């Protein structure tokens, strides 16, 4: 079944959001909104204008980072739509994470589970649990038109931040493989432009992660290193605004390598922890 897709980008551009968060309005008569975005009045007005007084059945949140979810409650009150998202039980140790702001105010009417079907008379979406960027992240596959709405799992402008303790590199790479296994699809990301050849794009992302993992392992073998030191070796010309995010992603690789018993740590899990060969 053919259906309309409208993409509205919030005015929250920044070093981790590209031009802003993409909100998707799907359907012809009965609508689904994916990632309502930040609680911003102008963005709310733009969404309501594009709804055109049609019935909004569901508001779906891919994950509970504030730039994706904080408008959900207000938008649901206005439209009467049911909110769909993850239980907060997915989020682990969020209080300890000083970089990422989780939306603890978001409470779904319907809780997501892997392989859940979300259906209107216009379209059918299948929820795919894709942890890694966050433990509560879901992508949504629309079967008939071969489209996947990827949130921050796969972005159209950059690789994805993996920030421990909630972010998990092993989970991310496994989830990325899961999306690749869905075959050829167009990807509609939470940030950046539509990705026409999604499978090839995701395969390159996965190979990039494998290459980065191998490089980190090689550097550890050459001598003890922590995440901050490794960031200096690997990212030579990085924008200083992204430095802390790159360091956290390196830490996620280190934690994953330690779980695989490829390296060992001094017993801590932070960017100053020392890792060494076994």
Protein backbone atom coordinates (compact mmCIF):
# COMPACT_ATOMS: atom_id res chain seq x y z
CA UNK A 1 0.00 0.00 0.00
CA UNK A 2 1.33 3.40 -0.97
CA UNK A 3 1.25 6.09 1.72
CA UNK A 4 2.55 9.59 2.25
CA UNK A 5 5.71 10.39 4.21
CA UNK A 6 6.35 13.90 5.46
CA UNK A 7 9.66 14.74 7.12
CA UNK A 8 9.93 17.78 9.39
CA UNK A 9 13.31 18.73 10.86
CA UNK A 10 13.37 20.45 14.23
CA UNK A 11 15.49 23.55 14.73
CA UNK A 12 17.85 21.84 17.16
CA UNK A 13 20.99 21.62 15.05
CA UNK A 14 24.24 20.85 16.85
CA UNK A 15 27.39 18.74 16.90
CA UNK A 16 25.44 15.53 17.64
CA UNK A 17 22.18 16.31 15.80
CA UNK A 18 23.32 17.54 12.37
CA UNK A 19 20.62 19.89 11.04
CA UNK A 20 18.18 18.72 13.73
CA UNK A 21 15.90 15.84 14.66
CA UNK A 22 13.72 14.41 11.89
CA UNK A 23 10.04 13.89 12.71
CA UNK A 24 8.18 11.60 10.29
CA UNK A 25 4.44 11.77 9.59
CA UNK A 26 3.24 8.60 7.89
CA UNK A 27 -0.08 7.73 6.30
CA UNK A 28 -2.89 9.04 4.12
CA UNK A 29 -5.87 9.31 6.45
CA UNK A 30 -4.90 7.74 9.79
CA UNK A 31 -1.44 8.91 10.70
CA UNK A 32 1.57 7.66 12.62
CA UNK A 33 4.19 10.12 13.87
CA UNK A 34 7.70 8.77 14.51
CA UNK A 35 9.97 10.76 16.84
CA UNK A 36 7.99 13.92 17.66
CA UNK A 37 11.26 15.58 18.63
CA UNK A 38 12.20 18.24 21.19
CA UNK A 39 9.66 20.27 23.14
CA UNK A 40 9.79 23.29 20.87
CA UNK A 41 6.74 25.41 20.04
CA UNK A 42 7.80 26.13 16.46
CA UNK A 43 8.36 22.43 15.78
CA UNK A 44 4.97 21.65 17.30
CA UNK A 45 3.31 24.21 15.03
CA UNK A 46 5.05 22.72 11.99
CA UNK A 47 3.86 19.22 12.88
CA UNK A 48 0.26 20.33 13.46
CA UNK A 49 0.29 22.22 10.15
CA UNK A 50 1.43 19.09 8.31
CA UNK A 51 -1.12 16.85 10.04
CA UNK A 52 -3.85 18.87 8.26
CA UNK A 53 -6.53 17.94 10.83
CA UNK A 54 -6.20 14.24 10.03
CA UNK A 55 -6.52 11.57 12.69
CA UNK A 56 -3.25 10.74 14.43
CA UNK A 57 -3.49 7.20 15.78
CA UNK A 58 0.00 6.71 17.20
CA UNK A 59 3.05 8.69 18.25
CA UNK A 60 6.11 6.43 18.25
CA UNK A 61 9.40 7.20 20.00
CA UNK A 62 12.46 5.31 18.74
CA UNK A 63 14.33 5.93 22.03
CA UNK A 64 14.08 8.25 24.99
CA UNK A 65 16.79 10.79 24.29
CA UNK A 66 15.28 14.21 24.82
CA UNK A 67 15.78 15.41 21.27
CA UNK A 68 13.46 12.62 20.07
CA UNK A 69 10.77 12.31 22.72
CA UNK A 70 10.04 15.39 24.80
CA UNK A 71 7.32 16.74 22.50
CA UNK A 72 5.39 13.45 22.69
CA UNK A 73 3.27 14.23 25.75
CA UNK A 74 2.12 17.63 24.49
CA UNK A 75 1.44 16.34 20.98
CA UNK A 76 -0.56 13.39 22.36
CA UNK A 77 -2.72 15.75 24.42
CA UNK A 78 -3.53 17.83 21.35
CA UNK A 79 -4.15 14.97 18.91
CA UNK A 80 -5.52 12.25 21.20
CA UNK A 81 -2.97 9.79 19.79
CA UNK A 82 -1.59 6.89 21.82
CA UNK A 83 2.11 7.08 22.65
CA UNK A 84 4.25 4.03 21.86
CA UNK A 85 7.75 3.57 23.26
CA UNK A 86 10.05 1.63 25.51
CA UNK A 87 9.71 0.97 29.18
CA UNK A 88 12.13 2.95 31.35
CA UNK A 89 13.34 -0.40 32.70
CA UNK A 90 15.55 -0.59 29.60
CA UNK A 91 17.59 2.37 30.77
CA UNK A 92 20.44 1.31 33.02
CA UNK A 93 22.44 3.65 35.24
CA UNK A 94 21.14 6.70 33.41
CA UNK A 95 21.91 8.92 36.40
CA UNK A 96 25.61 8.15 35.93
CA UNK A 97 25.62 9.18 32.30
CA UNK A 98 26.71 12.83 32.24
CA UNK A 99 26.66 13.24 28.45
CA UNK A 100 23.25 11.96 27.35
CA UNK A 101 19.98 13.36 28.63
CA UNK A 102 17.27 10.72 28.91
CA UNK A 103 13.64 11.77 28.96
CA UNK A 104 12.38 10.39 32.25
CA UNK A 105 9.01 12.15 31.81
CA UNK A 106 8.00 10.10 28.78
CA UNK A 107 5.54 7.33 29.66
CA UNK A 108 4.08 5.27 26.80
CA UNK A 109 0.46 4.20 26.56
CA UNK A 110 1.70 1.11 24.72
CA UNK A 111 5.07 -0.48 25.53
CA UNK A 112 7.22 -1.76 22.71
CA UNK A 113 8.43 -5.34 22.43
CA UNK A 114 10.56 -6.82 19.68
CA UNK A 115 8.59 -7.82 16.55
CA UNK A 116 5.46 -5.93 17.69
CA UNK A 117 3.12 -4.99 14.84
CA UNK A 118 1.74 -1.45 14.73
CA UNK A 119 -1.12 -1.21 12.27
CA UNK A 120 -3.43 1.42 10.82
CA UNK A 121 -5.63 1.20 7.73
CA UNK A 122 -2.82 2.95 5.83
CA UNK A 123 0.25 0.93 6.79
CA UNK A 124 1.85 -1.72 8.97
CA UNK A 125 5.08 -1.24 10.93
CA UNK A 126 7.13 -3.93 12.66
CA UNK A 127 9.14 -2.90 15.74
CA UNK A 128 12.74 -4.13 15.80
CA UNK A 129 14.62 -3.88 19.10
CA UNK A 130 18.03 -2.47 18.16
CA UNK A 131 20.01 -1.78 21.35
CA UNK A 132 23.44 -0.19 21.23
CA UNK A 133 23.04 3.55 20.94
CA UNK A 134 20.70 3.11 23.88
CA UNK A 135 19.33 -0.03 25.47
CA UNK A 136 15.78 1.09 24.66
CA UNK A 137 16.28 1.81 20.95
CA UNK A 138 13.86 0.47 18.34
CA UNK A 139 13.78 0.73 14.55
CA UNK A 140 10.56 0.31 12.57
CA UNK A 141 10.25 -1.62 9.33
CA UNK A 142 7.46 -0.96 6.85
CA UNK A 143 7.18 -4.13 4.79
CA UNK A 144 5.32 -3.23 1.60
CA UNK A 145 7.53 -0.30 0.54
CA UNK A 146 10.82 -1.70 1.92
CA UNK A 147 11.48 1.16 4.32
CA UNK A 148 13.08 1.24 7.76
CA UNK A 149 12.84 4.18 10.14
CA UNK A 150 16.16 3.96 11.92
CA UNK A 151 16.16 6.67 14.61
CA UNK A 152 19.73 7.12 15.85
CA UNK A 153 20.71 3.51 15.18
CA UNK A 154 21.70 4.49 11.64
CA UNK A 155 22.02 8.19 10.85
CA UNK A 156 22.32 9.90 7.49
CA UNK A 157 25.25 12.14 8.33
CA UNK A 158 27.55 10.45 10.84
CA UNK A 159 28.30 7.26 12.71
CA UNK A 160 26.33 6.70 15.91
CA UNK A 161 27.45 7.67 19.39
CA UNK A 162 27.77 4.70 21.77
CA UNK A 163 28.01 6.08 25.30
CA UNK A 164 28.48 3.69 28.25
CA UNK A 165 27.04 2.74 30.65
CA UNK A 166 23.74 2.49 28.74
CA UNK A 167 25.32 2.44 25.28
CA UNK A 168 26.81 -0.93 24.35
CA UNK A 169 29.12 -1.54 21.39
CA UNK A 170 28.58 -5.31 21.22
CA UNK A 171 24.83 -4.81 21.16
CA UNK A 172 25.17 -2.09 18.55
CA UNK A 173 27.16 -4.21 16.12
CA UNK A 174 24.78 -7.13 16.58
CA UNK A 175 21.76 -4.87 16.01
CA UNK A 176 23.40 -3.37 12.92
CA UNK A 177 23.82 -6.87 11.50
CA UNK A 178 20.15 -7.51 12.22
CA UNK A 179 19.13 -4.51 10.11
CA UNK A 180 21.49 -5.56 7.30
CA UNK A 181 19.85 -8.99 7.30
CA UNK A 182 16.50 -7.35 6.48
CA UNK A 183 17.75 -6.88 2.92
CA UNK A 184 17.58 -3.88 0.63
CA UNK A 185 15.60 -1.03 2.16
CA UNK A 186 15.45 2.73 2.18
CA UNK A 187 16.44 4.12 5.57
CA UNK A 188 14.77 7.15 7.12
CA UNK A 189 17.12 8.28 9.93
CA UNK A 190 16.52 10.42 12.99
CA UNK A 191 19.20 12.86 11.76
CA UNK A 192 20.40 13.54 8.24
CA UNK A 193 19.02 12.70 4.81
CA UNK A 194 17.21 9.60 3.58
CA UNK A 195 19.56 6.72 2.70
CA UNK A 196 18.49 5.13 -0.58
CA UNK A 197 20.73 2.05 -0.52
CA UNK A 198 20.39 1.28 3.17
CA UNK A 199 21.95 -2.16 3.18
CA UNK A 200 25.21 -1.05 1.54
CA UNK A 201 25.36 1.97 3.82
CA UNK A 202 24.88 -0.17 6.94
CA UNK A 203 27.47 -2.69 5.76
CA UNK A 204 30.01 0.14 5.48
CA UNK A 205 29.11 1.31 8.99
CA UNK A 206 29.62 -2.19 10.36
CA UNK A 207 32.95 -2.58 8.59
CA UNK A 208 34.03 0.79 9.99
CA UNK A 209 33.26 -0.46 13.51
CA UNK A 210 35.20 -3.69 12.94
CA UNK A 211 38.18 -1.73 11.60
CA UNK A 212 38.07 0.65 14.57
CA UNK A 213 37.88 -2.28 16.98
CA UNK A 214 40.91 -3.91 15.36
CA UNK A 215 42.90 -0.66 15.46
CA UNK A 216 42.15 -0.19 19.18
CA UNK A 217 43.22 -3.75 19.92
CA UNK A 218 46.48 -3.23 18.02
CA UNK A 219 47.23 -0.06 19.99
CA UNK A 220 46.54 -1.77 23.30
CA UNK A 221 48.96 -4.56 22.39
CA UNK A 222 51.66 -1.94 21.76
CA UNK A 223 51.24 -0.56 25.28
CA UNK A 224 48.74 0.27 28.01
CA UNK A 225 46.20 2.91 26.97
CA UNK A 226 43.02 4.55 28.21
CA UNK A 227 40.12 5.88 26.13
CA UNK A 228 41.34 9.49 26.21
CA UNK A 229 44.82 8.53 24.98
CA UNK A 230 43.39 6.30 22.26
CA UNK A 231 41.12 9.10 21.05
CA UNK A 232 44.20 11.26 20.53
CA UNK A 233 45.84 8.51 18.46
CA UNK A 234 42.79 7.73 16.33
CA UNK A 235 41.03 11.08 15.86
CA UNK A 236 43.67 13.50 14.59
CA UNK A 237 41.54 16.36 13.28
CA UNK A 238 38.27 15.96 15.16
CA UNK A 239 36.02 18.94 15.92
CA UNK A 240 36.70 19.74 19.59
CA UNK A 241 32.92 19.74 20.23
CA UNK A 242 32.83 16.04 19.36
CA UNK A 243 35.90 15.02 21.34
CA UNK A 244 34.05 13.78 24.44
CA UNK A 245 31.62 11.78 22.30
CA UNK A 246 34.45 10.15 20.37
CA UNK A 247 36.16 9.26 23.66
CA UNK A 248 33.01 7.60 24.98
CA UNK A 249 32.64 5.57 21.79
CA UNK A 250 36.27 4.42 22.15
CA UNK A 251 35.45 3.42 25.73
CA UNK A 252 32.51 1.37 24.43
CA UNK A 253 34.91 -0.50 22.12
CA UNK A 254 37.29 -1.11 25.04
CA UNK A 255 34.52 -2.50 27.24
CA UNK A 256 33.42 -4.77 24.39
CA UNK A 257 36.98 -6.02 23.81
CA UNK A 258 37.33 -6.77 27.51
CA UNK A 259 34.08 -8.74 27.51
CA UNK A 260 35.53 -10.79 24.66
CA UNK A 261 38.63 -11.37 26.83
CA UNK A 262 40.84 -9.75 24.18
CA UNK A 263 42.18 -7.16 26.64
CA UNK A 264 41.94 -6.44 30.37
CA UNK A 265 41.28 -3.30 32.40
CA UNK A 266 42.27 -1.95 35.79
CA UNK A 267 38.77 -2.83 36.98
CA UNK A 268 37.01 0.45 36.21
CA UNK A 269 34.86 1.49 33.27
CA UNK A 270 35.56 5.14 32.55
CA UNK A 271 37.60 7.16 30.07
CA UNK A 272 40.64 7.19 32.41
CA UNK A 273 40.62 3.41 32.97
CA UNK A 274 43.80 1.70 31.80
CA UNK A 275 43.52 -1.23 29.39
CA UNK A 276 46.30 -3.66 28.55
CA UNK A 277 46.93 -6.84 26.59
CA UNK A 278 46.27 -10.23 28.15
